[in-house]
């Protein structure tokens, strides 16, 4: 896409998305925020997309906010300074989210599953971007932190609505209040990561291939249901199950999924 984020379209509808600001460990400055948002918007309109793998090139997944990008702002509190890198924090420029939130929350709002592969460092905003993925592979030695309190800020890149489904309330509070660093193994034990892997990007691509060969409409419906679990009442979630099932059951693609499974072959779905 540009010098900050690249998209490589692989077979079976897999998009390999990489942050490529390697000289800054993929740290977030205004251009990086905008590139990530533009990437999500482009993926929304990509025909035939079935799965996304998100990673960082170089030594890190993402080192969080590039503090040098705040240095040119006028004096004021830290949140105003951060606004210089992310735009007006009060403006909901992307549905329910502002720009800073969208670069993490936007992955959850994509219709298809997003798999993140983290290594090196996932600090602050980088950790929140990682948290936006549906499934997260992490190298055991990855350095992680909810870093914002170190700079007198609060986490404000959609971390809280993402973390509440991952880790215990008291764990989130402690890590937020102290900005304590933890590694990939600890992230997995606490619920922030799905898998610990010595080869996270390779394993993420392997899983993406499995997901990409499932019924696309059923996969979109399953993600809709997963996203709704935390917000809907039992009755509404039961109804949503039925609504999503009625969209796919007995369709040609659903029957193709059945036949491919019975015949032990790769399915061929109509887009």
C-alpha atoms as a PDB file:
ATOM      1  CA  UNK A   1       0.000   0.000   0.000  1.00  0.00           C
ATOM      2  CA  UNK A   2       2.709   2.497   0.989  1.00  0.00           C
ATOM      3  CA  UNK A   3       5.915   2.777   2.993  1.00  0.00           C
ATOM      4  CA  UNK A   4       4.093   2.049   6.274  1.00  0.00           C
ATOM      5  CA  UNK A   5       1.795  -0.904   5.608  1.00  0.00           C
ATOM      6  CA  UNK A   6       1.796  -3.467   2.806  1.00  0.00           C
ATOM      7  CA  UNK A   7      -0.915  -5.885   1.664  1.00  0.00           C
ATOM      8  CA  UNK A   8       0.050  -9.036  -0.213  1.00  0.00           C
ATOM      9  CA  UNK A   9      -2.870 -11.043  -1.557  1.00  0.00           C
ATOM     10  CA  UNK A  10      -2.149 -14.765  -1.351  1.00  0.00           C
ATOM     11  CA  UNK A  11      -4.129 -17.680  -2.749  1.00  0.00           C
ATOM     12  CA  UNK A  12      -7.502 -18.640  -1.252  1.00  0.00           C
ATOM     13  CA  UNK A  13      -8.373 -15.036  -0.420  1.00  0.00           C
ATOM     14  CA  UNK A  14      -5.747 -14.516   2.294  1.00  0.00           C
ATOM     15  CA  UNK A  15      -4.376 -10.992   2.776  1.00  0.00           C
ATOM     16  CA  UNK A  16      -0.921 -10.841   4.356  1.00  0.00           C
ATOM     17  CA  UNK A  17      -0.800  -7.389   5.986  1.00  0.00           C
ATOM     18  CA  UNK A  18       2.490  -6.121   7.391  1.00  0.00           C
ATOM     19  CA  UNK A  19       3.527  -2.955   9.158  1.00  0.00           C
ATOM     20  CA  UNK A  20       6.822  -2.012   7.491  1.00  0.00           C
ATOM     21  CA  UNK A  21       8.159   1.019   9.357  1.00  0.00           C
ATOM     22  CA  UNK A  22      11.076  -1.119  10.405  1.00  0.00           C
ATOM     23  CA  UNK A  23      13.481   1.698  11.277  1.00  0.00           C
ATOM     24  CA  UNK A  24      11.099   2.731  14.093  1.00  0.00           C
ATOM     25  CA  UNK A  25       9.957  -0.780  15.108  1.00  0.00           C
ATOM     26  CA  UNK A  26       6.617   0.050  13.457  1.00  0.00           C
ATOM     27  CA  UNK A  27       5.916   2.790  16.008  1.00  0.00           C
ATOM     28  CA  UNK A  28       2.775   4.831  15.529  1.00  0.00           C
ATOM     29  CA  UNK A  29       3.053   8.365  14.152  1.00  0.00           C
ATOM     30  CA  UNK A  30       0.336  10.226  12.190  1.00  0.00           C
ATOM     31  CA  UNK A  31       1.299   8.557   8.914  1.00  0.00           C
ATOM     32  CA  UNK A  32       1.278   5.097  10.506  1.00  0.00           C
ATOM     33  CA  UNK A  33      -2.145   5.668  12.069  1.00  0.00           C
ATOM     34  CA  UNK A  34      -3.538   6.795   8.728  1.00  0.00           C
ATOM     35  CA  UNK A  35      -1.908   3.928   6.819  1.00  0.00           C
ATOM     36  CA  UNK A  36      -3.446   1.360   9.164  1.00  0.00           C
ATOM     37  CA  UNK A  37      -6.873   2.969   8.881  1.00  0.00           C
ATOM     38  CA  UNK A  38      -6.583   3.101   5.082  1.00  0.00           C
ATOM     39  CA  UNK A  39      -5.567  -0.562   5.060  1.00  0.00           C
ATOM     40  CA  UNK A  40      -8.632  -1.599   7.032  1.00  0.00           C
ATOM     41  CA  UNK A  41     -10.861   0.448   4.736  1.00  0.00           C
ATOM     42  CA  UNK A  42      -9.275  -1.147   1.654  1.00  0.00           C
ATOM     43  CA  UNK A  43      -9.786  -4.629   3.083  1.00  0.00           C
ATOM     44  CA  UNK A  44     -13.449  -3.844   3.714  1.00  0.00           C
ATOM     45  CA  UNK A  45     -13.854  -3.412  -0.038  1.00  0.00           C
ATOM     46  CA  UNK A  46     -11.707  -6.351  -1.177  1.00  0.00           C
ATOM     47  CA  UNK A  47     -13.754  -8.867  -3.114  1.00  0.00           C
ATOM     48  CA  UNK A  48     -13.070 -12.499  -2.283  1.00  0.00           C
ATOM     49  CA  UNK A  49     -11.292 -11.738   0.995  1.00  0.00           C
ATOM     50  CA  UNK A  50     -11.545 -14.666   3.412  1.00  0.00           C
ATOM     51  CA  UNK A  51      -8.879 -14.132   6.078  1.00  0.00           C
ATOM     52  CA  UNK A  52      -6.272 -11.545   7.116  1.00  0.00           C
ATOM     53  CA  UNK A  53      -2.880 -12.148   8.718  1.00  0.00           C
ATOM     54  CA  UNK A  54      -1.498  -9.068  10.499  1.00  0.00           C
ATOM     55  CA  UNK A  55       2.161  -8.748  11.505  1.00  0.00           C
ATOM     56  CA  UNK A  56       5.106  -6.390  11.756  1.00  0.00           C
ATOM     57  CA  UNK A  57       8.290  -6.514   9.714  1.00  0.00           C
ATOM     58  CA  UNK A  58      11.716  -6.191  11.277  1.00  0.00           C
ATOM     59  CA  UNK A  59      12.441  -6.444  14.978  1.00  0.00           C
ATOM     60  CA  UNK A  60       8.950  -5.832  16.342  1.00  0.00           C
ATOM     61  CA  UNK A  61       5.230  -6.129  15.886  1.00  0.00           C
ATOM     62  CA  UNK A  62       4.673  -2.530  16.998  1.00  0.00           C
ATOM     63  CA  UNK A  63       6.486  -0.432  19.614  1.00  0.00           C
ATOM     64  CA  UNK A  64       3.458   1.761  20.325  1.00  0.00           C
ATOM     65  CA  UNK A  65       3.239   5.527  20.019  1.00  0.00           C
ATOM     66  CA  UNK A  66       6.189   7.294  18.393  1.00  0.00           C
ATOM     67  CA  UNK A  67       6.871   9.915  21.043  1.00  0.00           C
ATOM     68  CA  UNK A  68       8.807  12.077  18.596  1.00  0.00           C
ATOM     69  CA  UNK A  69       5.569  12.576  16.649  1.00  0.00           C
ATOM     70  CA  UNK A  70       4.181  14.505  19.635  1.00  0.00           C
ATOM     71  CA  UNK A  71       7.168  16.815  20.043  1.00  0.00           C
ATOM     72  CA  UNK A  72       5.966  19.438  17.619  1.00  0.00           C
ATOM     73  CA  UNK A  73       2.647  20.032  19.374  1.00  0.00           C
ATOM     74  CA  UNK A  74       1.967  22.984  21.600  1.00  0.00           C
ATOM     75  CA  UNK A  75       2.304  22.588  25.329  1.00  0.00           C
ATOM     76  CA  UNK A  76      -0.600  21.001  27.123  1.00  0.00           C
ATOM     77  CA  UNK A  77      -1.611  17.798  28.773  1.00  0.00           C
ATOM     78  CA  UNK A  78      -0.534  14.444  27.376  1.00  0.00           C
ATOM     79  CA  UNK A  79      -3.911  13.662  25.875  1.00  0.00           C
ATOM     80  CA  UNK A  80      -3.883  16.866  23.805  1.00  0.00           C
ATOM     81  CA  UNK A  81      -0.391  16.009  22.624  1.00  0.00           C
ATOM     82  CA  UNK A  82      -1.490  12.553  21.650  1.00  0.00           C
ATOM     83  CA  UNK A  83      -4.348  14.126  19.725  1.00  0.00           C
ATOM     84  CA  UNK A  84      -1.738  15.685  17.475  1.00  0.00           C
ATOM     85  CA  UNK A  85      -0.760  12.213  16.309  1.00  0.00           C
ATOM     86  CA  UNK A  86      -4.232  10.724  16.027  1.00  0.00           C
ATOM     87  CA  UNK A  87      -6.556  13.600  15.209  1.00  0.00           C
ATOM     88  CA  UNK A  88      -9.416  14.860  17.364  1.00  0.00           C
ATOM     89  CA  UNK A  89      -9.980  12.168  19.981  1.00  0.00           C
ATOM     90  CA  UNK A  90     -13.564  13.285  20.562  1.00  0.00           C
ATOM     91  CA  UNK A  91     -14.565  12.905  16.923  1.00  0.00           C
ATOM     92  CA  UNK A  92     -16.098   9.551  15.952  1.00  0.00           C
ATOM     93  CA  UNK A  93     -14.615   9.469  12.464  1.00  0.00           C
ATOM     94  CA  UNK A  94     -15.105   5.692  12.021  1.00  0.00           C
ATOM     95  CA  UNK A  95     -18.549   4.725  13.273  1.00  0.00           C
ATOM     96  CA  UNK A  96     -18.216   4.334  17.041  1.00  0.00           C
ATOM     97  CA  UNK A  97     -14.468   4.941  17.010  1.00  0.00           C
ATOM     98  CA  UNK A  98     -11.962   7.723  16.507  1.00  0.00           C
ATOM     99  CA  UNK A  99      -8.851   7.226  14.389  1.00  0.00           C
ATOM    100  CA  UNK A 100      -6.686   5.972  17.266  1.00  0.00           C
ATOM    101  CA  UNK A 101      -9.315   3.421  18.271  1.00  0.00           C
ATOM    102  CA  UNK A 102     -10.064   2.357  14.719  1.00  0.00           C
ATOM    103  CA  UNK A 103      -6.558   1.050  13.993  1.00  0.00           C
ATOM    104  CA  UNK A 104      -7.219  -1.594  16.687  1.00  0.00           C
ATOM    105  CA  UNK A 105     -11.012  -1.883  16.729  1.00  0.00           C
ATOM    106  CA  UNK A 106     -11.251  -1.905  12.933  1.00  0.00           C
ATOM    107  CA  UNK A 107      -9.754  -5.397  12.675  1.00  0.00           C
ATOM    108  CA  UNK A 108     -12.582  -6.715  14.831  1.00  0.00           C
ATOM    109  CA  UNK A 109     -15.117  -4.983  12.573  1.00  0.00           C
ATOM    110  CA  UNK A 110     -13.848  -6.618   9.393  1.00  0.00           C
ATOM    111  CA  UNK A 111     -16.268  -9.311   8.247  1.00  0.00           C
ATOM    112  CA  UNK A 112     -13.528 -11.938   7.957  1.00  0.00           C
ATOM    113  CA  UNK A 113     -11.281 -13.409  10.665  1.00  0.00           C
ATOM    114  CA  UNK A 114      -8.036 -11.573  11.424  1.00  0.00           C
ATOM    115  CA  UNK A 115      -5.031 -13.494  12.768  1.00  0.00           C
ATOM    116  CA  UNK A 116      -2.175 -11.521  14.314  1.00  0.00           C
ATOM    117  CA  UNK A 117       1.420 -12.721  14.564  1.00  0.00           C
ATOM    118  CA  UNK A 118       3.515 -10.857  17.133  1.00  0.00           C
ATOM    119  CA  UNK A 119       7.220 -10.905  17.896  1.00  0.00           C
ATOM    120  CA  UNK A 120       9.801  -8.598  19.398  1.00  0.00           C
ATOM    121  CA  UNK A 121       7.753  -5.836  21.005  1.00  0.00           C
ATOM    122  CA  UNK A 122       4.027  -5.081  21.387  1.00  0.00           C
ATOM    123  CA  UNK A 123       3.863  -2.006  23.600  1.00  0.00           C
ATOM    124  CA  UNK A 124       0.996   0.395  24.287  1.00  0.00           C
ATOM    125  CA  UNK A 125      -0.913   1.042  21.091  1.00  0.00           C
ATOM    126  CA  UNK A 126       0.875  -1.882  19.496  1.00  0.00           C
ATOM    127  CA  UNK A 127      -0.517  -4.203  22.139  1.00  0.00           C
ATOM    128  CA  UNK A 128      -3.979  -2.786  21.531  1.00  0.00           C
ATOM    129  CA  UNK A 129      -3.644  -3.355  17.763  1.00  0.00           C
ATOM    130  CA  UNK A 130      -2.600  -6.938  18.511  1.00  0.00           C
ATOM    131  CA  UNK A 131      -5.682  -7.298  20.714  1.00  0.00           C
ATOM    132  CA  UNK A 132      -7.950  -6.332  17.823  1.00  0.00           C
ATOM    133  CA  UNK A 133      -7.278  -9.597  16.011  1.00  0.00           C
ATOM    134  CA  UNK A 134      -9.667 -12.527  16.356  1.00  0.00           C
ATOM    135  CA  UNK A 135      -6.782 -14.948  16.986  1.00  0.00           C
ATOM    136  CA  UNK A 136      -3.283 -14.047  18.196  1.00  0.00           C
ATOM    137  CA  UNK A 137      -0.019 -15.972  17.806  1.00  0.00           C
ATOM    138  CA  UNK A 138       2.827 -14.607  19.903  1.00  0.00           C
ATOM    139  CA  UNK A 139       6.489 -15.453  20.213  1.00  0.00           C
ATOM    140  CA  UNK A 140       7.306 -16.499  23.802  1.00  0.00           C
ATOM    141  CA  UNK A 141       9.900 -13.740  24.211  1.00  0.00           C
ATOM    142  CA  UNK A 142       7.732 -10.912  22.884  1.00  0.00           C
ATOM    143  CA  UNK A 143       7.866  -7.919  25.221  1.00  0.00           C
ATOM    144  CA  UNK A 144       4.367  -6.632  25.967  1.00  0.00           C
ATOM    145  CA  UNK A 145       2.958  -3.824  28.083  1.00  0.00           C
ATOM    146  CA  UNK A 146      -0.115  -1.677  28.506  1.00  0.00           C
ATOM    147  CA  UNK A 147       2.282   1.232  28.442  1.00  0.00           C
ATOM    148  CA  UNK A 148       0.182   4.401  28.570  1.00  0.00           C
ATOM    149  CA  UNK A 149       0.384   5.070  32.326  1.00  0.00           C
ATOM    150  CA  UNK A 150       4.162   5.432  31.972  1.00  0.00           C
ATOM    151  CA  UNK A 151       3.511   8.618  29.999  1.00  0.00           C
ATOM    152  CA  UNK A 152       0.654   9.864  32.180  1.00  0.00           C
ATOM    153  CA  UNK A 153      -1.989   8.686  29.706  1.00  0.00           C
ATOM    154  CA  UNK A 154      -4.839   6.206  29.789  1.00  0.00           C
ATOM    155  CA  UNK A 155      -5.153   3.342  27.245  1.00  0.00           C
ATOM    156  CA  UNK A 156      -7.473   4.772  24.601  1.00  0.00           C
ATOM    157  CA  UNK A 157      -7.052   2.663  21.459  1.00  0.00           C
ATOM    158  CA  UNK A 158     -10.007   0.307  22.026  1.00  0.00           C
ATOM    159  CA  UNK A 159      -8.071  -1.838  24.475  1.00  0.00           C
ATOM    160  CA  UNK A 160     -10.774  -2.015  27.116  1.00  0.00           C
ATOM    161  CA  UNK A 161     -13.616  -3.296  24.894  1.00  0.00           C
ATOM    162  CA  UNK A 162     -11.153  -5.791  23.377  1.00  0.00           C
ATOM    163  CA  UNK A 163      -9.493  -6.971  26.607  1.00  0.00           C
ATOM    164  CA  UNK A 164     -12.710  -7.549  28.544  1.00  0.00           C
ATOM    165  CA  UNK A 165     -13.245 -10.749  26.591  1.00  0.00           C
ATOM    166  CA  UNK A 166      -9.672 -11.927  27.090  1.00  0.00           C
ATOM    167  CA  UNK A 167      -8.403 -11.434  30.618  1.00  0.00           C
ATOM    168  CA  UNK A 168      -9.727 -11.121  34.161  1.00  0.00           C
ATOM    169  CA  UNK A 169     -10.800  -7.698  35.347  1.00  0.00           C
ATOM    170  CA  UNK A 170      -8.161  -7.522  38.072  1.00  0.00           C
ATOM    171  CA  UNK A 171      -5.386  -8.534  35.671  1.00  0.00           C
ATOM    172  CA  UNK A 172      -6.368  -5.763  33.249  1.00  0.00           C
ATOM    173  CA  UNK A 173      -6.425  -3.279  36.132  1.00  0.00           C
ATOM    174  CA  UNK A 174      -3.007  -4.234  37.469  1.00  0.00           C
ATOM    175  CA  UNK A 175      -1.307  -4.120  34.076  1.00  0.00           C
ATOM    176  CA  UNK A 176      -2.964  -0.798  33.284  1.00  0.00           C
ATOM    177  CA  UNK A 177      -2.158   0.823  36.625  1.00  0.00           C
ATOM    178  CA  UNK A 178       1.492  -0.283  36.684  1.00  0.00           C
ATOM    179  CA  UNK A 179       2.475  -0.480  32.966  1.00  0.00           C
ATOM    180  CA  UNK A 180       4.373  -3.629  33.984  1.00  0.00           C
ATOM    181  CA  UNK A 181       6.130  -5.436  31.155  1.00  0.00           C
ATOM    182  CA  UNK A 182       5.292  -9.106  30.501  1.00  0.00           C
ATOM    183  CA  UNK A 183       6.360 -11.633  27.875  1.00  0.00           C
ATOM    184  CA  UNK A 184       4.523 -13.724  25.321  1.00  0.00           C
ATOM    185  CA  UNK A 185       4.211 -16.733  27.607  1.00  0.00           C
ATOM    186  CA  UNK A 186       2.601 -14.569  30.290  1.00  0.00           C
ATOM    187  CA  UNK A 187       0.323 -12.942  27.699  1.00  0.00           C
ATOM    188  CA  UNK A 188      -0.925 -16.389  26.751  1.00  0.00           C
ATOM    189  CA  UNK A 189      -1.408 -17.463  30.370  1.00  0.00           C
ATOM    190  CA  UNK A 190      -3.420 -14.315  31.106  1.00  0.00           C
ATOM    191  CA  UNK A 191      -5.626 -14.729  28.043  1.00  0.00           C
ATOM    192  CA  UNK A 192      -4.286 -11.995  25.765  1.00  0.00           C
ATOM    193  CA  UNK A 193      -2.771 -14.450  23.248  1.00  0.00           C
ATOM    194  CA  UNK A 194      -4.271 -17.556  21.683  1.00  0.00           C
ATOM    195  CA  UNK A 195      -1.076 -19.468  20.928  1.00  0.00           C
ATOM    196  CA  UNK A 196       2.593 -19.213  21.893  1.00  0.00           C
ATOM    197  CA  UNK A 197       4.769 -19.939  18.884  1.00  0.00           C
ATOM    198  CA  UNK A 198       8.430 -19.801  17.924  1.00  0.00           C
ATOM    199  CA  UNK A 199       7.254 -19.088  14.361  1.00  0.00           C
ATOM    200  CA  UNK A 200       4.154 -16.925  14.812  1.00  0.00           C
ATOM    201  CA  UNK A 201       3.836 -15.614  11.257  1.00  0.00           C
ATOM    202  CA  UNK A 202       4.297 -19.050   9.705  1.00  0.00           C
ATOM    203  CA  UNK A 203       1.732 -20.556  12.065  1.00  0.00           C
ATOM    204  CA  UNK A 204      -0.694 -17.694  11.472  1.00  0.00           C
ATOM    205  CA  UNK A 205      -0.535 -18.253   7.716  1.00  0.00           C
ATOM    206  CA  UNK A 206      -1.098 -21.988   8.185  1.00  0.00           C
ATOM    207  CA  UNK A 207      -4.241 -21.326  10.230  1.00  0.00           C
ATOM    208  CA  UNK A 208      -5.394 -18.710   7.711  1.00  0.00           C
ATOM    209  CA  UNK A 209      -5.319 -21.392   5.004  1.00  0.00           C
ATOM    210  CA  UNK A 210      -7.607 -23.590   7.096  1.00  0.00           C
ATOM    211  CA  UNK A 211     -10.047 -20.743   7.715  1.00  0.00           C
ATOM    212  CA  UNK A 212      -9.955 -19.559   4.094  1.00  0.00           C
ATOM    213  CA  UNK A 213     -11.213 -22.963   2.908  1.00  0.00           C
ATOM    214  CA  UNK A 214     -14.381 -22.835   4.985  1.00  0.00           C
ATOM    215  CA  UNK A 215     -17.755 -21.604   3.684  1.00  0.00           C
ATOM    216  CA  UNK A 216     -17.158 -17.818   3.404  1.00  0.00           C
ATOM    217  CA  UNK A 217     -20.671 -16.699   4.329  1.00  0.00           C
ATOM    218  CA  UNK A 218     -20.786 -19.079   7.286  1.00  0.00           C
ATOM    219  CA  UNK A 219     -17.438 -17.711   8.474  1.00  0.00           C
ATOM    220  CA  UNK A 220     -18.741 -14.137   8.268  1.00  0.00           C
ATOM    221  CA  UNK A 221     -21.827 -15.179  10.214  1.00  0.00           C
ATOM    222  CA  UNK A 222     -19.709 -16.888  12.850  1.00  0.00           C
ATOM    223  CA  UNK A 223     -17.629 -13.731  13.318  1.00  0.00           C
ATOM    224  CA  UNK A 224     -20.823 -11.682  13.649  1.00  0.00           C
ATOM    225  CA  UNK A 225     -21.959 -14.013  16.436  1.00  0.00           C
ATOM    226  CA  UNK A 226     -18.574 -13.920  18.166  1.00  0.00           C
ATOM    227  CA  UNK A 227     -18.580 -10.120  18.100  1.00  0.00           C
ATOM    228  CA  UNK A 228     -22.081 -10.018  19.574  1.00  0.00           C
ATOM    229  CA  UNK A 229     -21.454 -12.368  22.501  1.00  0.00           C
ATOM    230  CA  UNK A 230     -20.428  -9.665  24.961  1.00  0.00           C
ATOM    231  CA  UNK A 231     -23.209  -7.225  24.129  1.00  0.00           C
ATOM    232  CA  UNK A 232     -26.472  -9.079  23.468  1.00  0.00           C
ATOM    233  CA  UNK A 233     -28.863 -10.666  25.903  1.00  0.00           C
ATOM    234  CA  UNK A 234     -29.291 -14.424  25.768  1.00  0.00           C
ATOM    235  CA  UNK A 235     -32.585 -14.026  23.922  1.00  0.00           C
ATOM    236  CA  UNK A 236     -31.133 -11.655  21.333  1.00  0.00           C
ATOM    237  CA  UNK A 237     -28.093 -13.860  20.828  1.00  0.00           C
ATOM    238  CA  UNK A 238     -30.311 -16.909  20.317  1.00  0.00           C
ATOM    239  CA  UNK A 239     -32.256 -15.002  17.681  1.00  0.00           C
ATOM    240  CA  UNK A 240     -29.059 -13.835  15.992  1.00  0.00           C
ATOM    241  CA  UNK A 241     -27.879 -17.468  15.770  1.00  0.00           C
ATOM    242  CA  UNK A 242     -31.042 -18.320  13.869  1.00  0.00           C
ATOM    243  CA  UNK A 243     -30.790 -15.243  11.658  1.00  0.00           C
ATOM    244  CA  UNK A 244     -27.227 -16.014  10.623  1.00  0.00           C
ATOM    245  CA  UNK A 245     -27.999 -19.702  10.066  1.00  0.00           C
ATOM    246  CA  UNK A 246     -30.931 -18.898   7.790  1.00  0.00           C
ATOM    247  CA  UNK A 247     -28.558 -16.889   5.577  1.00  0.00           C
ATOM    248  CA  UNK A 248     -26.393 -19.917   4.808  1.00  0.00           C
ATOM    249  CA  UNK A 249     -28.304 -23.153   5.339  1.00  0.00           C
ATOM    250  CA  UNK A 250     -29.169 -25.096   2.158  1.00  0.00           C
ATOM    251  CA  UNK A 251     -27.392 -22.568  -0.063  1.00  0.00           C
ATOM    252  CA  UNK A 252     -25.188 -23.896  -2.898  1.00  0.00           C
ATOM    253  CA  UNK A 253     -22.032 -22.978  -0.983  1.00  0.00           C
ATOM    254  CA  UNK A 254     -23.232 -24.766   2.125  1.00  0.00           C
ATOM    255  CA  UNK A 255     -23.961 -27.868   0.093  1.00  0.00           C
ATOM    256  CA  UNK A 256     -20.510 -27.564  -1.506  1.00  0.00           C
ATOM    257  CA  UNK A 257     -19.000 -27.557   1.992  1.00  0.00           C
ATOM    258  CA  UNK A 258     -20.833 -30.804   2.754  1.00  0.00           C
ATOM    259  CA  UNK A 259     -19.830 -32.468  -0.518  1.00  0.00           C
ATOM    260  CA  UNK A 260     -16.182 -31.408  -0.231  1.00  0.00           C
ATOM    261  CA  UNK A 261     -16.016 -32.834   3.267  1.00  0.00           C
ATOM    262  CA  UNK A 262     -17.594 -36.105   2.233  1.00  0.00           C
ATOM    263  CA  UNK A 263     -15.366 -36.410  -0.845  1.00  0.00           C
ATOM    264  CA  UNK A 264     -12.252 -35.308   1.096  1.00  0.00           C
ATOM    265  CA  UNK A 265     -11.335 -32.559  -1.362  1.00  0.00           C
ATOM    266  CA  UNK A 266     -10.787 -28.826  -1.326  1.00  0.00           C
ATOM    267  CA  UNK A 267     -14.101 -26.970  -1.596  1.00  0.00           C
ATOM    268  CA  UNK A 268     -14.802 -24.635  -4.502  1.00  0.00           C
ATOM    269  CA  UNK A 269     -17.059 -21.827  -3.346  1.00  0.00           C
ATOM    270  CA  UNK A 270     -18.872 -19.285  -5.493  1.00  0.00           C
ATOM    271  CA  UNK A 271     -18.132 -15.736  -4.357  1.00  0.00           C
END
